[in-house]
């Protein structure tokens, strides 16, 4: 596989979300980002949209051990960070969400850059 326009859009969304979260932690005073909860919501929304662009379309990915581990660890981390951050309003949860977002983006982009195409799956079936 190779990197596509989807990876570029995903990267731009992740960078924007991380910048918003960092603005909360650094106290830059950006409009509508006055607290940890706002940073978590902003990063969560942009990271979720980036996930849609970076998610593989082939079904075989979700039975692959690498795919399952990435999904479980990533979604577990996101859930803990979002729920904990929204309940406790602590900056540690925002930092944790930033780290999990970077990890998920890195793994998805690396996978897209180095993994080959599965010749057993016809292209028209891989789009479903």
N, C-alpha and C. Protein backbone atom coordinates (compact mmCIF):
# COMPACT_ATOMS: atom_id res chain seq x y z
N UNK A 1 0.84 -1.17 0.00
CA UNK A 1 0.00 0.00 0.00
C UNK A 1 0.89 1.24 0.00
N UNK A 2 0.31 2.34 -0.27
CA UNK A 2 1.06 3.59 -0.22
C UNK A 2 0.20 4.66 0.40
N UNK A 3 0.82 5.74 0.74
CA UNK A 3 0.07 6.83 1.36
C UNK A 3 -0.79 7.53 0.31
N UNK A 4 -1.99 7.93 0.71
CA UNK A 4 -2.94 8.55 -0.20
C UNK A 4 -3.39 9.90 0.36
N UNK A 5 -4.33 10.50 -0.33
CA UNK A 5 -4.89 11.77 0.12
C UNK A 5 -5.59 11.61 1.46
N UNK A 6 -6.12 10.41 1.74
CA UNK A 6 -6.77 10.17 3.02
C UNK A 6 -5.79 10.31 4.18
N UNK A 7 -4.57 9.85 3.95
CA UNK A 7 -3.54 9.98 4.98
C UNK A 7 -3.18 11.45 5.21
N UNK A 8 -3.17 12.23 4.15
CA UNK A 8 -2.89 13.67 4.29
C UNK A 8 -3.99 14.37 5.07
N UNK A 9 -5.24 14.04 4.77
CA UNK A 9 -6.37 14.64 5.50
C UNK A 9 -6.33 14.21 6.96
N UNK A 10 -6.07 12.93 7.18
CA UNK A 10 -5.98 12.41 8.55
C UNK A 10 -4.87 13.10 9.33
N UNK A 11 -3.73 13.30 8.70
CA UNK A 11 -2.61 13.98 9.35
C UNK A 11 -2.98 15.42 9.70
N UNK A 12 -3.61 16.12 8.78
CA UNK A 12 -4.01 17.51 9.04
C UNK A 12 -5.01 17.59 10.20
N UNK A 13 -5.94 16.66 10.26
CA UNK A 13 -6.92 16.65 11.36
C UNK A 13 -6.25 16.37 12.70
N UNK A 14 -5.33 15.42 12.71
CA UNK A 14 -4.63 15.08 13.95
C UNK A 14 -3.77 16.26 14.42
N UNK A 15 -3.07 16.89 13.50
CA UNK A 15 -2.24 18.05 13.86
C UNK A 15 -3.11 19.18 14.41
N UNK A 16 -4.24 19.43 13.78
CA UNK A 16 -5.15 20.49 14.27
C UNK A 16 -5.68 20.15 15.66
N UNK A 17 -6.07 18.90 15.86
CA UNK A 17 -6.56 18.49 17.18
C UNK A 17 -5.49 18.58 18.25
N UNK A 18 -4.28 18.15 17.92
CA UNK A 18 -3.18 18.23 18.88
C UNK A 18 -2.82 19.69 19.20
N UNK A 19 -2.90 20.55 18.20
CA UNK A 19 -2.63 21.98 18.45
C UNK A 19 -3.68 22.56 19.39
N UNK A 20 -4.93 22.18 19.20
CA UNK A 20 -5.98 22.67 20.09
C UNK A 20 -5.77 22.16 21.51
N UNK A 21 -5.44 20.89 21.65
CA UNK A 21 -5.20 20.32 22.97
C UNK A 21 -3.98 20.97 23.63
N UNK A 22 -2.94 21.17 22.86
CA UNK A 22 -1.74 21.81 23.39
C UNK A 22 -2.02 23.25 23.81
N UNK A 23 -2.91 23.92 23.09
CA UNK A 23 -3.25 25.29 23.47
C UNK A 23 -3.93 25.33 24.84
N UNK A 24 -4.69 24.30 25.15
CA UNK A 24 -5.32 24.23 26.47
C UNK A 24 -4.27 23.99 27.54
N UNK A 25 -3.38 23.03 27.29
CA UNK A 25 -2.35 22.70 28.29
C UNK A 25 -1.36 23.84 28.49
N UNK A 26 -1.02 24.55 27.42
CA UNK A 26 -0.04 25.63 27.50
C UNK A 26 -0.66 26.97 27.89
N UNK A 27 -1.99 27.04 27.90
CA UNK A 27 -2.66 28.28 28.28
C UNK A 27 -2.56 29.39 27.25
N UNK A 28 -2.65 29.02 25.98
CA UNK A 28 -2.52 30.02 24.91
C UNK A 28 -3.76 30.91 24.79
N UNK A 29 -4.87 30.52 25.38
CA UNK A 29 -6.06 31.35 25.37
C UNK A 29 -6.82 31.39 24.05
N UNK A 30 -6.82 30.28 23.32
CA UNK A 30 -7.57 30.25 22.06
C UNK A 30 -9.07 30.31 22.35
N UNK A 31 -9.84 30.97 21.49
CA UNK A 31 -11.29 31.06 21.71
C UNK A 31 -11.94 29.67 21.73
N UNK A 32 -12.91 29.50 22.61
CA UNK A 32 -13.69 28.28 22.79
C UNK A 32 -12.88 27.12 23.37
N UNK A 33 -11.64 27.35 23.76
CA UNK A 33 -10.81 26.30 24.35
C UNK A 33 -10.34 26.74 25.72
N UNK A 34 -11.31 27.02 26.60
CA UNK A 34 -10.98 27.57 27.89
C UNK A 34 -10.66 26.57 28.98
N UNK A 35 -10.83 25.27 28.71
CA UNK A 35 -10.57 24.30 29.76
C UNK A 35 -10.22 22.94 29.20
N UNK A 36 -9.91 22.03 30.10
CA UNK A 36 -9.51 20.68 29.72
C UNK A 36 -10.65 19.96 28.99
N UNK A 37 -11.86 20.14 29.46
CA UNK A 37 -13.00 19.46 28.81
C UNK A 37 -13.14 19.91 27.36
N UNK A 38 -12.98 21.19 27.11
CA UNK A 38 -13.07 21.69 25.73
C UNK A 38 -11.95 21.11 24.87
N UNK A 39 -10.76 20.98 25.42
CA UNK A 39 -9.65 20.38 24.69
C UNK A 39 -9.89 18.92 24.38
N UNK A 40 -10.48 18.20 25.34
CA UNK A 40 -10.79 16.78 25.12
C UNK A 40 -11.85 16.63 24.04
N UNK A 41 -12.87 17.47 24.07
CA UNK A 41 -13.91 17.40 23.05
C UNK A 41 -13.33 17.73 21.67
N UNK A 42 -12.52 18.78 21.58
CA UNK A 42 -11.94 19.18 20.29
C UNK A 42 -11.04 18.07 19.74
N UNK A 43 -10.14 17.54 20.56
CA UNK A 43 -9.25 16.48 20.09
C UNK A 43 -10.02 15.20 19.81
N UNK A 44 -11.02 14.91 20.62
CA UNK A 44 -11.83 13.71 20.39
C UNK A 44 -12.59 13.76 19.08
N UNK A 45 -13.18 14.91 18.78
CA UNK A 45 -13.93 15.04 17.53
C UNK A 45 -13.00 14.96 16.32
N UNK A 46 -11.93 15.76 16.33
CA UNK A 46 -11.00 15.75 15.19
C UNK A 46 -10.29 14.40 15.06
N UNK A 47 -9.93 13.79 16.19
CA UNK A 47 -9.30 12.47 16.14
C UNK A 47 -10.25 11.40 15.64
N UNK A 48 -11.52 11.50 16.01
CA UNK A 48 -12.52 10.55 15.51
C UNK A 48 -12.72 10.67 14.00
N UNK A 49 -12.75 11.89 13.51
CA UNK A 49 -12.89 12.09 12.06
C UNK A 49 -11.65 11.58 11.34
N UNK A 50 -10.47 11.81 11.92
CA UNK A 50 -9.23 11.30 11.33
C UNK A 50 -9.24 9.78 11.31
N UNK A 51 -9.83 9.18 12.32
CA UNK A 51 -9.95 7.71 12.38
C UNK A 51 -10.79 7.18 11.22
N UNK A 52 -11.83 7.89 10.87
CA UNK A 52 -12.67 7.47 9.75
C UNK A 52 -11.85 7.46 8.46
N UNK A 53 -11.02 8.47 8.28
CA UNK A 53 -10.19 8.52 7.07
C UNK A 53 -9.08 7.48 7.10
N UNK A 54 -8.56 7.14 8.27
CA UNK A 54 -7.43 6.22 8.36
C UNK A 54 -7.81 4.77 8.52
N UNK A 55 -9.08 4.48 8.76
CA UNK A 55 -9.51 3.11 8.99
C UNK A 55 -9.42 2.29 7.71
N UNK A 56 -8.93 1.06 7.84
CA UNK A 56 -8.85 0.21 6.65
C UNK A 56 -10.23 -0.24 6.21
N UNK A 57 -10.40 -0.41 4.92
CA UNK A 57 -11.68 -0.83 4.38
C UNK A 57 -11.83 -2.34 4.30
N UNK A 58 -10.71 -3.04 4.26
CA UNK A 58 -10.80 -4.49 4.12
C UNK A 58 -11.15 -5.14 5.46
N UNK A 59 -11.98 -6.16 5.38
CA UNK A 59 -12.44 -6.83 6.59
C UNK A 59 -11.35 -7.68 7.24
N UNK A 60 -10.39 -8.13 6.46
CA UNK A 60 -9.34 -9.00 6.99
C UNK A 60 -8.50 -8.31 8.06
N UNK A 61 -8.46 -7.00 8.05
CA UNK A 61 -7.65 -6.26 9.03
C UNK A 61 -8.14 -6.52 10.45
N UNK A 62 -9.44 -6.67 10.62
CA UNK A 62 -10.01 -6.78 11.95
C UNK A 62 -9.90 -8.18 12.55
N UNK A 63 -9.39 -9.15 11.82
CA UNK A 63 -9.10 -10.47 12.38
C UNK A 63 -7.59 -10.68 12.50
N UNK A 64 -6.81 -9.76 11.98
CA UNK A 64 -5.36 -9.80 12.09
C UNK A 64 -4.98 -9.40 13.52
N UNK A 65 -4.02 -10.12 14.14
CA UNK A 65 -3.65 -9.78 15.52
C UNK A 65 -3.19 -8.32 15.68
N UNK A 66 -2.44 -7.79 14.72
CA UNK A 66 -2.00 -6.40 14.78
C UNK A 66 -3.21 -5.46 14.81
N UNK A 67 -4.17 -5.72 13.96
CA UNK A 67 -5.37 -4.88 13.92
C UNK A 67 -6.18 -4.96 15.19
N UNK A 68 -6.31 -6.16 15.73
CA UNK A 68 -7.09 -6.32 16.96
C UNK A 68 -6.41 -5.63 18.14
N UNK A 69 -5.10 -5.79 18.26
CA UNK A 69 -4.38 -5.16 19.36
C UNK A 69 -4.46 -3.64 19.25
N UNK A 70 -4.28 -3.13 18.04
CA UNK A 70 -4.36 -1.68 17.84
C UNK A 70 -5.74 -1.17 18.22
N UNK A 71 -6.79 -1.87 17.78
CA UNK A 71 -8.15 -1.44 18.07
C UNK A 71 -8.45 -1.48 19.57
N UNK A 72 -8.07 -2.57 20.23
CA UNK A 72 -8.37 -2.71 21.65
C UNK A 72 -7.60 -1.69 22.49
N UNK A 73 -6.30 -1.59 22.27
CA UNK A 73 -5.49 -0.65 23.04
C UNK A 73 -5.91 0.79 22.74
N UNK A 74 -6.08 1.09 21.47
CA UNK A 74 -6.45 2.46 21.09
C UNK A 74 -7.80 2.88 21.63
N UNK A 75 -8.80 2.06 21.44
CA UNK A 75 -10.14 2.43 21.90
C UNK A 75 -10.23 2.41 23.42
N UNK A 76 -9.47 1.51 24.05
CA UNK A 76 -9.42 1.52 25.51
C UNK A 76 -8.81 2.81 26.04
N UNK A 77 -7.71 3.21 25.43
CA UNK A 77 -7.06 4.46 25.84
C UNK A 77 -7.92 5.67 25.59
N UNK A 78 -8.56 5.71 24.44
CA UNK A 78 -9.44 6.84 24.12
C UNK A 78 -10.61 6.89 25.10
N UNK A 79 -11.20 5.74 25.39
CA UNK A 79 -12.34 5.71 26.31
C UNK A 79 -11.94 6.19 27.70
N UNK A 80 -10.82 5.67 28.21
CA UNK A 80 -10.37 6.09 29.53
C UNK A 80 -10.07 7.60 29.56
N UNK A 81 -9.38 8.08 28.54
CA UNK A 81 -9.01 9.50 28.51
C UNK A 81 -10.23 10.40 28.39
N UNK A 82 -11.15 10.05 27.51
CA UNK A 82 -12.32 10.90 27.30
C UNK A 82 -13.23 10.87 28.52
N UNK A 83 -13.58 9.68 28.99
CA UNK A 83 -14.49 9.58 30.14
C UNK A 83 -13.84 10.18 31.38
N UNK A 84 -12.59 9.81 31.64
CA UNK A 84 -11.90 10.35 32.81
C UNK A 84 -11.74 11.86 32.73
N UNK A 85 -11.38 12.36 31.56
CA UNK A 85 -11.19 13.79 31.39
C UNK A 85 -12.47 14.58 31.52
N UNK A 86 -13.55 14.06 30.99
CA UNK A 86 -14.82 14.77 31.08
C UNK A 86 -15.38 14.74 32.49
N UNK A 87 -15.10 13.67 33.23
CA UNK A 87 -15.59 13.58 34.60
C UNK A 87 -14.72 14.39 35.56
N UNK A 88 -13.40 14.17 35.50
CA UNK A 88 -12.51 14.76 36.49
C UNK A 88 -11.89 16.09 36.06
N UNK A 89 -11.97 16.43 34.79
CA UNK A 89 -11.45 17.71 34.29
C UNK A 89 -9.97 17.90 34.64
N UNK A 90 -9.20 16.80 34.49
CA UNK A 90 -7.78 16.83 34.85
C UNK A 90 -6.92 16.85 33.59
N UNK A 91 -5.87 17.67 33.56
CA UNK A 91 -5.03 17.77 32.37
C UNK A 91 -4.29 16.47 32.03
N UNK A 92 -4.12 15.59 33.00
CA UNK A 92 -3.46 14.31 32.72
C UNK A 92 -4.24 13.49 31.71
N UNK A 93 -5.55 13.57 31.76
CA UNK A 93 -6.37 12.83 30.82
C UNK A 93 -6.26 13.42 29.41
N UNK A 94 -6.14 14.72 29.31
CA UNK A 94 -5.95 15.35 28.00
C UNK A 94 -4.60 14.95 27.42
N UNK A 95 -3.58 14.93 28.25
CA UNK A 95 -2.26 14.48 27.80
C UNK A 95 -2.30 13.02 27.37
N UNK A 96 -3.01 12.18 28.12
CA UNK A 96 -3.14 10.77 27.75
C UNK A 96 -3.86 10.63 26.41
N UNK A 97 -4.91 11.42 26.19
CA UNK A 97 -5.62 11.37 24.91
C UNK A 97 -4.72 11.83 23.77
N UNK A 98 -3.88 12.81 24.03
CA UNK A 98 -2.93 13.26 23.01
C UNK A 98 -1.96 12.13 22.65
N UNK A 99 -1.45 11.44 23.64
CA UNK A 99 -0.50 10.35 23.39
C UNK A 99 -1.15 9.18 22.65
N UNK A 100 -2.38 8.82 23.03
CA UNK A 100 -3.08 7.74 22.35
C UNK A 100 -3.39 8.13 20.90
N UNK A 101 -3.76 9.37 20.70
CA UNK A 101 -4.05 9.86 19.34
C UNK A 101 -2.79 9.78 18.47
N UNK A 102 -1.67 10.21 19.01
CA UNK A 102 -0.40 10.13 18.27
C UNK A 102 -0.06 8.69 17.96
N UNK A 103 -0.25 7.79 18.93
CA UNK A 103 0.04 6.38 18.72
C UNK A 103 -0.82 5.79 17.61
N UNK A 104 -2.13 6.05 17.67
CA UNK A 104 -3.02 5.50 16.65
C UNK A 104 -2.71 6.05 15.26
N UNK A 105 -2.47 7.35 15.18
CA UNK A 105 -2.12 7.96 13.89
C UNK A 105 -0.82 7.38 13.36
N UNK A 106 0.18 7.23 14.22
CA UNK A 106 1.48 6.68 13.79
C UNK A 106 1.35 5.26 13.28
N UNK A 107 0.61 4.43 14.00
CA UNK A 107 0.44 3.04 13.58
C UNK A 107 -0.31 2.94 12.25
N UNK A 108 -1.36 3.73 12.11
CA UNK A 108 -2.14 3.69 10.87
C UNK A 108 -1.31 4.18 9.68
N UNK A 109 -0.58 5.27 9.87
CA UNK A 109 0.22 5.80 8.78
C UNK A 109 1.36 4.87 8.42
N UNK A 110 2.00 4.29 9.42
CA UNK A 110 3.07 3.32 9.16
C UNK A 110 2.53 2.10 8.42
N UNK A 111 1.38 1.62 8.84
CA UNK A 111 0.76 0.48 8.16
C UNK A 111 0.46 0.81 6.71
N UNK A 112 -0.09 1.97 6.46
CA UNK A 112 -0.42 2.36 5.09
C UNK A 112 0.84 2.50 4.24
N UNK A 113 1.93 2.93 4.84
CA UNK A 113 3.17 3.16 4.09
C UNK A 113 3.90 1.87 3.74
N UNK A 114 3.84 0.86 4.60
CA UNK A 114 4.69 -0.32 4.38
C UNK A 114 3.94 -1.59 4.01
N UNK A 115 2.67 -1.67 4.29
CA UNK A 115 1.95 -2.93 4.04
C UNK A 115 1.60 -3.07 2.58
N UNK A 116 1.72 -4.27 2.08
CA UNK A 116 1.37 -4.56 0.69
C UNK A 116 -0.11 -4.79 0.53
N UNK A 117 -0.54 -4.84 -0.71
CA UNK A 117 -1.93 -5.10 -1.03
C UNK A 117 -2.15 -6.60 -1.03
N UNK A 118 -3.28 -7.04 -0.50
CA UNK A 118 -3.61 -8.45 -0.46
C UNK A 118 -4.15 -8.87 -1.82
N UNK A 119 -3.40 -9.69 -2.59
CA UNK A 119 -3.86 -10.06 -3.93
C UNK A 119 -5.07 -11.00 -3.91
N UNK A 120 -5.35 -11.63 -2.77
CA UNK A 120 -6.48 -12.55 -2.70
C UNK A 120 -7.82 -11.82 -2.64
N UNK A 121 -7.81 -10.55 -2.31
CA UNK A 121 -9.05 -9.78 -2.21
C UNK A 121 -9.19 -8.92 -3.46
N UNK A 122 -10.21 -9.17 -4.28
CA UNK A 122 -10.40 -8.32 -5.46
C UNK A 122 -10.69 -6.87 -5.02
N UNK A 123 -10.21 -5.89 -5.78
CA UNK A 123 -10.37 -4.48 -5.40
C UNK A 123 -11.80 -4.05 -5.16
N UNK A 124 -12.75 -4.56 -5.94
CA UNK A 124 -14.13 -4.10 -5.75
C UNK A 124 -14.73 -4.62 -4.43
N UNK A 125 -14.25 -5.76 -3.93
CA UNK A 125 -14.73 -6.27 -2.65
C UNK A 125 -14.06 -5.57 -1.48
N UNK A 126 -12.87 -5.06 -1.69
CA UNK A 126 -12.16 -4.39 -0.60
C UNK A 126 -12.79 -3.05 -0.25
N UNK A 127 -13.62 -2.50 -1.09
CA UNK A 127 -14.24 -1.20 -0.83
C UNK A 127 -15.52 -1.31 -0.02
N UNK A 128 -15.99 -2.48 0.26
CA UNK A 128 -17.23 -2.63 1.03
C UNK A 128 -17.00 -2.50 2.48
